[in-house]
Amino acid sequence: MRLVVAAAVYQSTTSSGFLTPLLLTGTAGHASYPALLIGMAAVGVLCLALTGTHSRRHLPGHPAGPETREDSSVQS
């Protein structure tokens, strides 16, 4: 079930990127293109920071991450 939710979130997030030209065109009368592109770059950096922060939780060994278990079938 979690995989289905993750796929849905991924598809909706990537599809929303197609709205970027529409947003830039709609706001072009209110700001210059350099200002709009700097704003879009700032949104991109914010998304990158959020992704970097939250993706670390799923790494093994992270306090909030998944528990690491030793495989009982492996004999040492």
PDB file of N, CA and C in Angstrom:
ATOM      1  N   MET A   1       0.821  -1.190   0.000  1.00  0.00           N
ATOM      2  CA  MET A   1       0.000   0.000   0.000  1.00  0.00           C
ATOM      3  C   MET A   1       0.871   1.262   0.000  1.00  0.00           C
ATOM      4  N   ARG A   2       1.974   1.229   0.746  1.00  0.00           N
ATOM      5  CA  ARG A   2       2.846   2.401   0.804  1.00  0.00           C
ATOM      6  C   ARG A   2       3.461   2.689  -0.560  1.00  0.00           C
ATOM      7  N   LEU A   3       3.734   1.636  -1.343  1.00  0.00           N
ATOM      8  CA  LEU A   3       4.316   1.824  -2.659  1.00  0.00           C
ATOM      9  C   LEU A   3       3.335   2.522  -3.593  1.00  0.00           C
ATOM     10  N   VAL A   4       2.062   2.189  -3.465  1.00  0.00           N
ATOM     11  CA  VAL A   4       1.033   2.833  -4.289  1.00  0.00           C
ATOM     12  C   VAL A   4       0.932   4.318  -3.938  1.00  0.00           C
ATOM     13  N   VAL A   5       0.964   4.626  -2.664  1.00  0.00           N
ATOM     14  CA  VAL A   5       0.889   6.027  -2.232  1.00  0.00           C
ATOM     15  C   VAL A   5       2.131   6.780  -2.706  1.00  0.00           C
ATOM     16  N   ALA A   6       3.289   6.171  -2.590  1.00  0.00           N
ATOM     17  CA  ALA A   6       4.520   6.819  -3.034  1.00  0.00           C
ATOM     18  C   ALA A   6       4.489   7.079  -4.533  1.00  0.00           C
ATOM     19  N   ALA A   7       3.975   6.127  -5.299  1.00  0.00           N
ATOM     20  CA  ALA A   7       3.874   6.316  -6.750  1.00  0.00           C
ATOM     21  C   ALA A   7       2.903   7.440  -7.090  1.00  0.00           C
ATOM     22  N   ALA A   8       1.797   7.522  -6.368  1.00  0.00           N
ATOM     23  CA  ALA A   8       0.819   8.584  -6.616  1.00  0.00           C
ATOM     24  C   ALA A   8       1.400   9.955  -6.281  1.00  0.00           C
ATOM     25  N   VAL A   9       2.128  10.050  -5.182  1.00  0.00           N
ATOM     26  CA  VAL A   9       2.745  11.324  -4.800  1.00  0.00           C
ATOM     27  C   VAL A   9       3.803  11.717  -5.821  1.00  0.00           C
ATOM     28  N   TYR A  10       4.586  10.749  -6.261  1.00  0.00           N
ATOM     29  CA  TYR A  10       5.621  11.014  -7.262  1.00  0.00           C
ATOM     30  C   TYR A  10       5.001  11.523  -8.559  1.00  0.00           C
ATOM     31  N   GLN A  11       3.965  10.847  -9.042  1.00  0.00           N
ATOM     32  CA  GLN A  11       3.344  11.255 -10.300  1.00  0.00           C
ATOM     33  C   GLN A  11       2.694  12.628 -10.198  1.00  0.00           C
ATOM     34  N   SER A  12       2.031  12.907  -9.099  1.00  0.00           N
ATOM     35  CA  SER A  12       1.391  14.212  -8.958  1.00  0.00           C
ATOM     36  C   SER A  12       2.425  15.322  -8.839  1.00  0.00           C
ATOM     37  N   THR A  13       3.531  15.041  -8.167  1.00  0.00           N
ATOM     38  CA  THR A  13       4.577  16.047  -8.013  1.00  0.00           C
ATOM     39  C   THR A  13       5.268  16.332  -9.344  1.00  0.00           C
ATOM     40  N   THR A  14       5.606  15.287 -10.077  1.00  0.00           N
ATOM     41  CA  THR A  14       6.281  15.506 -11.353  1.00  0.00           C
ATOM     42  C   THR A  14       5.339  16.113 -12.379  1.00  0.00           C
ATOM     43  N   SER A  15       4.085  15.749 -12.354  1.00  0.00           N
ATOM     44  CA  SER A  15       3.130  16.332 -13.293  1.00  0.00           C
ATOM     45  C   SER A  15       2.878  17.802 -13.003  1.00  0.00           C
ATOM     46  N   SER A  16       2.985  18.202 -11.750  1.00  0.00           N
ATOM     47  CA  SER A  16       2.771  19.608 -11.423  1.00  0.00           C
ATOM     48  C   SER A  16       3.868  20.485 -12.019  1.00  0.00           C
ATOM     49  N   GLY A  17       4.997  19.909 -12.373  1.00  0.00           N
ATOM     50  CA  GLY A  17       6.062  20.668 -13.020  1.00  0.00           C
ATOM     51  C   GLY A  17       5.664  21.195 -14.383  1.00  0.00           C
ATOM     52  N   PHE A  18       4.661  20.594 -15.011  1.00  0.00           N
ATOM     53  CA  PHE A  18       4.183  21.074 -16.295  1.00  0.00           C
ATOM     54  C   PHE A  18       3.411  22.385 -16.153  1.00  0.00           C
ATOM     55  N   LEU A  19       3.038  22.756 -14.944  1.00  0.00           N
ATOM     56  CA  LEU A  19       2.344  24.019 -14.714  1.00  0.00           C
ATOM     57  C   LEU A  19       3.297  25.205 -14.633  1.00  0.00           C
ATOM     58  N   THR A  20       4.591  24.953 -14.555  1.00  0.00           N
ATOM     59  CA  THR A  20       5.563  26.029 -14.410  1.00  0.00           C
ATOM     60  C   THR A  20       5.484  27.048 -15.542  1.00  0.00           C
ATOM     61  N   PRO A  21       5.451  26.658 -16.810  1.00  0.00           N
ATOM     62  CA  PRO A  21       5.327  27.679 -17.861  1.00  0.00           C
ATOM     63  C   PRO A  21       4.046  28.498 -17.743  1.00  0.00           C
ATOM     64  N   LEU A  22       2.966  27.868 -17.330  1.00  0.00           N
ATOM     65  CA  LEU A  22       1.714  28.597 -17.156  1.00  0.00           C
ATOM     66  C   LEU A  22       1.839  29.628 -16.037  1.00  0.00           C
ATOM     67  N   LEU A  23       2.466  29.252 -14.944  1.00  0.00           N
ATOM     68  CA  LEU A  23       2.668  30.187 -13.838  1.00  0.00           C
ATOM     69  C   LEU A  23       3.576  31.345 -14.245  1.00  0.00           C
ATOM     70  N   LEU A  24       4.628  31.045 -14.988  1.00  0.00           N
ATOM     71  CA  LEU A  24       5.533  32.099 -15.436  1.00  0.00           C
ATOM     72  C   LEU A  24       4.825  33.058 -16.390  1.00  0.00           C
ATOM     73  N   THR A  25       3.999  32.525 -17.285  1.00  0.00           N
ATOM     74  CA  THR A  25       3.266  33.366 -18.227  1.00  0.00           C
ATOM     75  C   THR A  25       2.227  34.214 -17.511  1.00  0.00           C
ATOM     76  N   GLY A  26       1.547  33.638 -16.552  1.00  0.00           N
ATOM     77  CA  GLY A  26       0.509  34.362 -15.827  1.00  0.00           C
ATOM     78  C   GLY A  26       1.038  35.480 -14.957  1.00  0.00           C
ATOM     79  N   THR A  27       2.255  35.320 -14.464  1.00  0.00           N
ATOM     80  CA  THR A  27       2.820  36.335 -13.576  1.00  0.00           C
ATOM     81  C   THR A  27       3.810  37.258 -14.285  1.00  0.00           C
ATOM     82  N   ALA A  28       4.002  37.092 -15.582  1.00  0.00           N
ATOM     83  CA  ALA A  28       4.989  37.881 -16.324  1.00  0.00           C
ATOM     84  C   ALA A  28       4.642  39.369 -16.334  1.00  0.00           C
ATOM     85  N   GLY A  29       3.369  39.727 -16.259  1.00  0.00           N
ATOM     86  CA  GLY A  29       2.989  41.131 -16.268  1.00  0.00           C
ATOM     87  C   GLY A  29       3.261  41.830 -14.948  1.00  0.00           C
ATOM     88  N   HIS A  30       3.519  41.075 -13.913  1.00  0.00           N
ATOM     89  CA  HIS A  30       3.706  41.649 -12.576  1.00  0.00           C
ATOM     90  C   HIS A  30       5.166  41.703 -12.140  1.00  0.00           C
ATOM     91  N   ALA A  31       6.024  40.949 -12.797  1.00  0.00           N
ATOM     92  CA  ALA A  31       7.438  40.919 -12.427  1.00  0.00           C
ATOM     93  C   ALA A  31       8.272  40.660 -13.679  1.00  0.00           C
ATOM     94  N   SER A  32       9.550  40.978 -13.598  1.00  0.00           N
ATOM     95  CA  SER A  32      10.436  40.738 -14.742  1.00  0.00           C
ATOM     96  C   SER A  32      10.806  39.252 -14.810  1.00  0.00           C
ATOM     97  N   TYR A  33      11.252  38.829 -15.986  1.00  0.00           N
ATOM     98  CA  TYR A  33      11.633  37.428 -16.136  1.00  0.00           C
ATOM     99  C   TYR A  33      12.789  37.029 -15.221  1.00  0.00           C
ATOM    100  N   PRO A  34      13.834  37.864 -15.066  1.00  0.00           N
ATOM    101  CA  PRO A  34      14.882  37.472 -14.117  1.00  0.00           C
ATOM    102  C   PRO A  34      14.358  37.270 -12.696  1.00  0.00           C
ATOM    103  N   ALA A  35      13.433  38.130 -12.271  1.00  0.00           N
ATOM    104  CA  ALA A  35      12.864  37.976 -10.930  1.00  0.00           C
ATOM    105  C   ALA A  35      12.058  36.679 -10.832  1.00  0.00           C
ATOM    106  N   LEU A  36      11.308  36.365 -11.887  1.00  0.00           N
ATOM    107  CA  LEU A  36      10.526  35.125 -11.889  1.00  0.00           C
ATOM    108  C   LEU A  36      11.434  33.899 -11.870  1.00  0.00           C
ATOM    109  N   LEU A  37      12.502  33.941 -12.643  1.00  0.00           N
ATOM    110  CA  LEU A  37      13.411  32.791 -12.680  1.00  0.00           C
ATOM    111  C   LEU A  37      14.169  32.633 -11.369  1.00  0.00           C
ATOM    112  N   ILE A  38      14.512  33.750 -10.730  1.00  0.00           N
ATOM    113  CA  ILE A  38      15.153  33.670  -9.408  1.00  0.00           C
ATOM    114  C   ILE A  38      14.173  33.076  -8.401  1.00  0.00           C
ATOM    115  N   GLY A  39      12.915  33.461  -8.495  1.00  0.00           N
ATOM    116  CA  GLY A  39      11.889  32.877  -7.623  1.00  0.00           C
ATOM    117  C   GLY A  39      11.731  31.390  -7.850  1.00  0.00           C
ATOM    118  N   MET A  40      11.753  30.971  -9.112  1.00  0.00           N
ATOM    119  CA  MET A  40      11.644  29.536  -9.402  1.00  0.00           C
ATOM    120  C   MET A  40      12.872  28.787  -8.898  1.00  0.00           C
ATOM    121  N   ALA A  41      14.049  29.402  -9.006  1.00  0.00           N
ATOM    122  CA  ALA A  41      15.268  28.779  -8.472  1.00  0.00           C
ATOM    123  C   ALA A  41      15.184  28.642  -6.955  1.00  0.00           C
ATOM    124  N   ALA A  42      14.626  29.657  -6.297  1.00  0.00           N
ATOM    125  CA  ALA A  42      14.471  29.591  -4.842  1.00  0.00           C
ATOM    126  C   ALA A  42      13.520  28.467  -4.444  1.00  0.00           C
ATOM    127  N   VAL A  43      12.440  28.300  -5.201  1.00  0.00           N
ATOM    128  CA  VAL A  43      11.509  27.190  -4.930  1.00  0.00           C
ATOM    129  C   VAL A  43      12.215  25.856  -5.122  1.00  0.00           C
ATOM    130  N   GLY A  44      13.053  25.754  -6.160  1.00  0.00           N
ATOM    131  CA  GLY A  44      13.807  24.523  -6.398  1.00  0.00           C
ATOM    132  C   GLY A  44      14.772  24.201  -5.276  1.00  0.00           C
ATOM    133  N   VAL A  45      15.460  25.217  -4.778  1.00  0.00           N
ATOM    134  CA  VAL A  45      16.396  25.012  -3.655  1.00  0.00           C
ATOM    135  C   VAL A  45      15.637  24.598  -2.398  1.00  0.00           C
ATOM    136  N   LEU A  46      14.478  25.209  -2.176  1.00  0.00           N
ATOM    137  CA  LEU A  46      13.657  24.836  -1.021  1.00  0.00           C
ATOM    138  C   LEU A  46      13.209  23.371  -1.125  1.00  0.00           C
ATOM    139  N   CYS A  47      12.781  22.962  -2.305  1.00  0.00           N
ATOM    140  CA  CYS A  47      12.373  21.558  -2.503  1.00  0.00           C
ATOM    141  C   CYS A  47      13.547  20.610  -2.298  1.00  0.00           C
ATOM    142  N   LEU A  48      14.716  21.004  -2.785  1.00  0.00           N
ATOM    143  CA  LEU A  48      15.906  20.173  -2.595  1.00  0.00           C
ATOM    144  C   LEU A  48      16.258  20.043  -1.119  1.00  0.00           C
ATOM    145  N   ALA A  49      16.145  21.133  -0.372  1.00  0.00           N
ATOM    146  CA  ALA A  49      16.448  21.090   1.061  1.00  0.00           C
ATOM    147  C   ALA A  49      15.449  20.210   1.804  1.00  0.00           C
ATOM    148  N   LEU A  50      14.174  20.335   1.467  1.00  0.00           N
ATOM    149  CA  LEU A  50      13.162  19.496   2.111  1.00  0.00           C
ATOM    150  C   LEU A  50      13.374  18.022   1.796  1.00  0.00           C
ATOM    151  N   THR A  51      13.694  17.726   0.548  1.00  0.00           N
ATOM    152  CA  THR A  51      13.936  16.338   0.163  1.00  0.00           C
ATOM    153  C   THR A  51      15.160  15.781   0.877  1.00  0.00           C
ATOM    154  N   GLY A  52      16.220  16.558   0.940  1.00  0.00           N
ATOM    155  CA  GLY A  52      17.429  16.111   1.625  1.00  0.00           C
ATOM    156  C   GLY A  52      17.204  15.877   3.099  1.00  0.00           C
ATOM    157  N   THR A  53      16.415  16.723   3.719  1.00  0.00           N
ATOM    158  CA  THR A  53      16.139  16.586   5.150  1.00  0.00           C
ATOM    159  C   THR A  53      15.302  15.352   5.444  1.00  0.00           C
ATOM    160  N   HIS A  54      14.256  15.166   4.668  1.00  0.00           N
ATOM    161  CA  HIS A  54      13.341  14.064   4.961  1.00  0.00           C
ATOM    162  C   HIS A  54      13.823  12.717   4.427  1.00  0.00           C
ATOM    163  N   SER A  55      14.677  12.702   3.422  1.00  0.00           N
ATOM    164  CA  SER A  55      15.140  11.417   2.904  1.00  0.00           C
ATOM    165  C   SER A  55      16.149  10.763   3.840  1.00  0.00           C
ATOM    166  N   ARG A  56      16.804  11.533   4.669  1.00  0.00           N
ATOM    167  CA  ARG A  56      17.784  10.958   5.597  1.00  0.00           C
ATOM    168  C   ARG A  56      17.126  10.093   6.655  1.00  0.00           C
ATOM    169  N   ARG A  57      15.862  10.305   6.908  1.00  0.00           N
ATOM    170  CA  ARG A  57      15.162   9.494   7.906  1.00  0.00           C
ATOM    171  C   ARG A  57      15.071   8.031   7.490  1.00  0.00           C
ATOM    172  N   HIS A  58      15.162   7.757   6.218  1.00  0.00           N
ATOM    173  CA  HIS A  58      14.988   6.398   5.727  1.00  0.00           C
ATOM    174  C   HIS A  58      16.307   5.657   5.539  1.00  0.00           C
ATOM    175  N   LEU A  59      17.400   6.289   5.922  1.00  0.00           N
ATOM    176  CA  LEU A  59      18.689   5.626   5.821  1.00  0.00           C
ATOM    177  C   LEU A  59      18.917   4.722   7.019  1.00  0.00           C
ATOM    178  N   PRO A  60      19.538   3.572   6.810  1.00  0.00           N
ATOM    179  CA  PRO A  60      19.847   2.694   7.946  1.00  0.00           C
ATOM    180  C   PRO A  60      20.806   3.396   8.905  1.00  0.00           C
ATOM    181  N   GLY A  61      20.558   3.229  10.178  1.00  0.00           N
ATOM    182  CA  GLY A  61      21.413   3.815  11.188  1.00  0.00           C
ATOM    183  C   GLY A  61      20.962   5.177  11.655  1.00  0.00           C
ATOM    184  N   HIS A  62      20.008   5.781  10.969  1.00  0.00           N
ATOM    185  CA  HIS A  62      19.478   7.077  11.407  1.00  0.00           C
ATOM    186  C   HIS A  62      18.533   6.832  12.573  1.00  0.00           C
ATOM    187  N   PRO A  63      18.565   7.658  13.624  1.00  0.00           N
ATOM    188  CA  PRO A  63      17.708   7.422  14.788  1.00  0.00           C
ATOM    189  C   PRO A  63      16.220   7.313  14.457  1.00  0.00           C
ATOM    190  N   ALA A  64      15.753   8.071  13.482  1.00  0.00           N
ATOM    191  CA  ALA A  64      14.332   8.009  13.118  1.00  0.00           C
ATOM    192  C   ALA A  64      14.090   7.069  11.944  1.00  0.00           C
ATOM    193  N   GLY A  65      15.140   6.412  11.471  1.00  0.00           N
ATOM    194  CA  GLY A  65      15.032   5.561  10.291  1.00  0.00           C
ATOM    195  C   GLY A  65      14.580   4.155  10.620  1.00  0.00           C
ATOM    196  N   PRO A  66      14.524   3.316   9.587  1.00  0.00           N
ATOM    197  CA  PRO A  66      14.108   1.936   9.807  1.00  0.00           C
ATOM    198  C   PRO A  66      15.132   1.186  10.648  1.00  0.00           C
ATOM    199  N   GLU A  67      14.635   0.263  11.409  1.00  0.00           N
ATOM    200  CA  GLU A  67      15.537  -0.521  12.248  1.00  0.00           C
ATOM    201  C   GLU A  67      16.370  -1.436  11.365  1.00  0.00           C
ATOM    202  N   THR A  68      17.630  -1.554  11.704  1.00  0.00           N
ATOM    203  CA  THR A  68      18.490  -2.471  10.974  1.00  0.00           C
ATOM    204  C   THR A  68      18.519  -3.785  11.737  1.00  0.00           C
ATOM    205  N   ARG A  69      18.201  -4.837  11.035  1.00  0.00           N
ATOM    206  CA  ARG A  69      18.201  -6.175  11.644  1.00  0.00           C
ATOM    207  C   ARG A  69      19.259  -7.023  10.970  1.00  0.00           C
ATOM    208  N   GLU A  70      19.882  -7.816  11.766  1.00  0.00           N
ATOM    209  CA  GLU A  70      20.836  -8.752  11.187  1.00  0.00           C
ATOM    210  C   GLU A  70      20.066  -9.949  10.683  1.00  0.00           C
ATOM    211  N   ASP A  71      20.477 -10.432   9.540  1.00  0.00           N
ATOM    212  CA  ASP A  71      19.812 -11.568   8.922  1.00  0.00           C
ATOM    213  C   ASP A  71      20.173 -12.820   9.719  1.00  0.00           C
ATOM    214  N   SER A  72      19.163 -13.488  10.250  1.00  0.00           N
ATOM    215  CA  SER A  72      19.407 -14.658  11.081  1.00  0.00           C
ATOM    216  C   SER A  72      19.833 -15.865  10.247  1.00  0.00           C
ATOM    217  N   SER A  73      19.619 -15.796   8.924  1.00  0.00           N
ATOM    218  CA  SER A  73      19.987 -16.936   8.090  1.00  0.00           C
ATOM    219  C   SER A  73      21.478 -16.934   7.763  1.00  0.00           C
ATOM    220  N   VAL A  74      22.146 -15.816   7.983  1.00  0.00           N
ATOM    221  CA  VAL A  74      23.575 -15.735   7.700  1.00  0.00           C
ATOM    222  C   VAL A  74      24.334 -16.187   8.945  1.00  0.00           C
ATOM    223  N   GLN A  75      25.180 -17.170   8.735  1.00  0.00           N
ATOM    224  CA  GLN A  75      25.968 -17.702   9.854  1.00  0.00           C
ATOM    225  C   GLN A  75      27.372 -17.139   9.761  1.00  0.00           C
ATOM    226  N   SER A  76      27.891 -16.693  10.903  1.00  0.00           N
ATOM    227  CA  SER A  76      29.254 -16.152  10.885  1.00  0.00           C
ATOM    228  C   SER A  76      30.233 -17.104  11.488  1.00  0.00           C
TER     229      SER A  76
END
